[in-house]
């Protein structure tokens, strides 16, 4: 673990989401690599289990346009998901309860509970590093 980052600022309201950016989640992983626990930073680890708010882009690889329950949230629209991608540029969003959304081509802001949950693709490489139990989508 790399101890170089400051912990997230504490909110006085535990229900208030912590605003984060993909830059804060960057671990410097190379494309098509396999995540190892030593790569994690204290900053990112301190976010696990916290309610966060982050803006990114829905992956264009979705198979449906409406009533979407799960989707990869990408750092940038051009970021590849899967082969050629960087796992720390992807958050797998799973909307909670009956919450659903539609595919959007522009920026999407999601709030929910953040976790570190590596997702391994069929090529054995880490395709996504983070998970968000989404409670709100804008």
Foldseek 3Di string as FASTA:
>chain_A
DAAPDDAFDDDPDQVDAGEDALVQLDLPDFFQAADDVVSDYPRQVNQAFGKHKYKAAWAPPDPFFWQAFKTWGFNYNPADFDHRHDQSRTEIEGEDDSDGGGHDGDMKMFIFGKHQDFDADPVRHTRHGIYGHTHDMD
